[in-house]
Amino acid sequence: MITAAQYAITSTPTKVAASTTGHKTVHVHPAANTKIYVGGTNAVTSTTGYLVDKGVGHDDIYLGPGDELWAVCAVGQTETLTCEYIVTGK
């Protein structure tokens, strides 16, 4: 089953994919040109996270069982992030 959601990402880390018992593929797509950074914990920052940028295109992120995905923008920025994911195994 494919699940989709939109999140308002700010400088406060936001959980965009909760942990599951199976593997998960997360397709992330920023709405505008603000840079978003993702990581595996709520400690993600704009300096420690993996850059997700609309100019680069859509990103697929693969998560293992128990992994989460968190997103954040730089201070003073806000962005809408669409995430679509599917759990591929248990």
Protein backbone atom coordinates (compact mmCIF):
# COMPACT_ATOMS: atom_id res chain seq x y z
CA MET A 1 0.00 0.00 0.00
CA ILE A 2 1.34 3.43 -0.95
CA THR A 3 0.95 6.17 1.64
CA ALA A 4 1.36 9.89 0.88
CA ALA A 5 1.49 12.96 3.08
CA GLN A 6 2.58 16.60 2.97
CA TYR A 7 4.59 18.25 5.72
CA ALA A 8 5.42 21.89 6.50
CA ILE A 9 9.17 21.75 7.11
CA THR A 10 10.82 24.48 9.21
CA SER A 11 14.04 24.75 11.22
CA THR A 12 12.50 22.38 13.79
CA PRO A 13 13.05 18.73 12.76
CA THR A 14 9.85 16.99 11.59
CA LYS A 15 9.37 13.23 11.39
CA VAL A 16 8.27 12.43 7.83
CA ALA A 17 8.51 8.63 7.93
CA ALA A 18 7.95 6.59 11.07
CA SER A 19 9.69 3.30 11.76
CA THR A 20 8.11 0.06 10.55
CA THR A 21 8.92 -3.62 10.85
CA GLY A 22 9.72 -3.86 7.13
CA HIS A 23 11.87 -2.06 4.60
CA LYS A 24 10.45 1.19 3.28
CA THR A 25 11.08 3.25 0.15
CA VAL A 26 10.36 6.95 0.69
CA HIS A 27 9.94 9.22 -2.33
CA VAL A 28 10.53 12.85 -1.28
CA HIS A 29 9.68 15.94 -3.31
CA PRO A 30 9.98 19.57 -2.15
CA ALA A 31 7.27 21.89 -3.50
CA ALA A 32 9.51 24.91 -4.14
CA ASN A 33 13.21 25.71 -4.31
CA THR A 34 13.97 25.86 -0.58
CA LYS A 35 16.58 23.30 0.42
CA ILE A 36 15.50 20.53 2.79
CA TYR A 37 17.87 18.31 4.73
CA VAL A 38 16.96 14.81 5.90
CA GLY A 39 18.42 12.41 8.42
CA GLY A 40 17.64 9.43 10.58
CA THR A 41 16.98 11.21 13.90
CA ASN A 42 15.48 14.40 15.30
CA ALA A 43 19.04 15.72 15.64
CA VAL A 44 19.22 16.41 11.87
CA THR A 45 20.32 19.94 10.95
CA SER A 46 21.04 21.87 7.78
CA THR A 47 24.74 21.05 8.26
CA THR A 48 24.43 17.34 9.14
CA GLY A 49 21.54 16.26 6.91
CA TYR A 50 21.38 14.91 3.36
CA LEU A 51 20.32 17.66 0.94
CA VAL A 52 17.00 17.22 -0.87
CA ASP A 53 16.70 19.94 -3.51
CA LYS A 54 13.92 20.38 -6.09
CA GLY A 55 16.50 21.45 -8.66
CA VAL A 56 18.15 18.05 -8.43
CA GLY A 57 14.89 16.20 -8.91
CA HIS A 58 13.00 13.71 -6.79
CA ASP A 59 14.85 11.51 -4.34
CA ASP A 60 14.09 7.97 -3.24
CA ILE A 61 15.39 7.08 0.21
CA TYR A 62 15.53 3.48 1.37
CA LEU A 63 14.91 2.78 5.07
CA GLY A 64 15.47 -0.46 6.92
CA PRO A 65 13.27 -1.94 9.65
CA GLY A 66 13.10 0.42 12.62
CA ASP A 67 14.55 3.40 10.70
CA GLU A 68 12.86 6.83 10.68
CA LEU A 69 13.25 9.82 8.40
CA TRP A 70 13.34 13.39 9.69
CA ALA A 71 13.47 16.66 7.69
CA VAL A 72 14.54 20.22 8.45
CA CYS A 73 15.16 23.54 6.66
CA ALA A 74 17.73 26.21 7.47
CA VAL A 75 16.76 28.77 10.11
CA GLY A 76 14.12 31.19 8.82
CA GLN A 77 12.97 28.99 5.94
CA THR A 78 9.80 26.96 5.41
CA GLU A 79 9.05 24.40 2.71
CA THR A 80 6.30 21.95 1.87
CA LEU A 81 7.59 18.41 1.46
CA THR A 82 5.56 15.63 -0.13
CA CYS A 83 6.48 12.09 0.92
CA GLU A 84 5.14 8.93 -0.64
CA TYR A 85 6.21 5.63 0.77
CA ILE A 86 5.64 1.94 0.56
CA VAL A 87 6.65 -0.79 2.99
CA THR A 88 8.26 -3.54 0.91
CA GLY A 89 8.76 -6.34 3.43
CA LYS A 90 8.18 -7.46 6.99
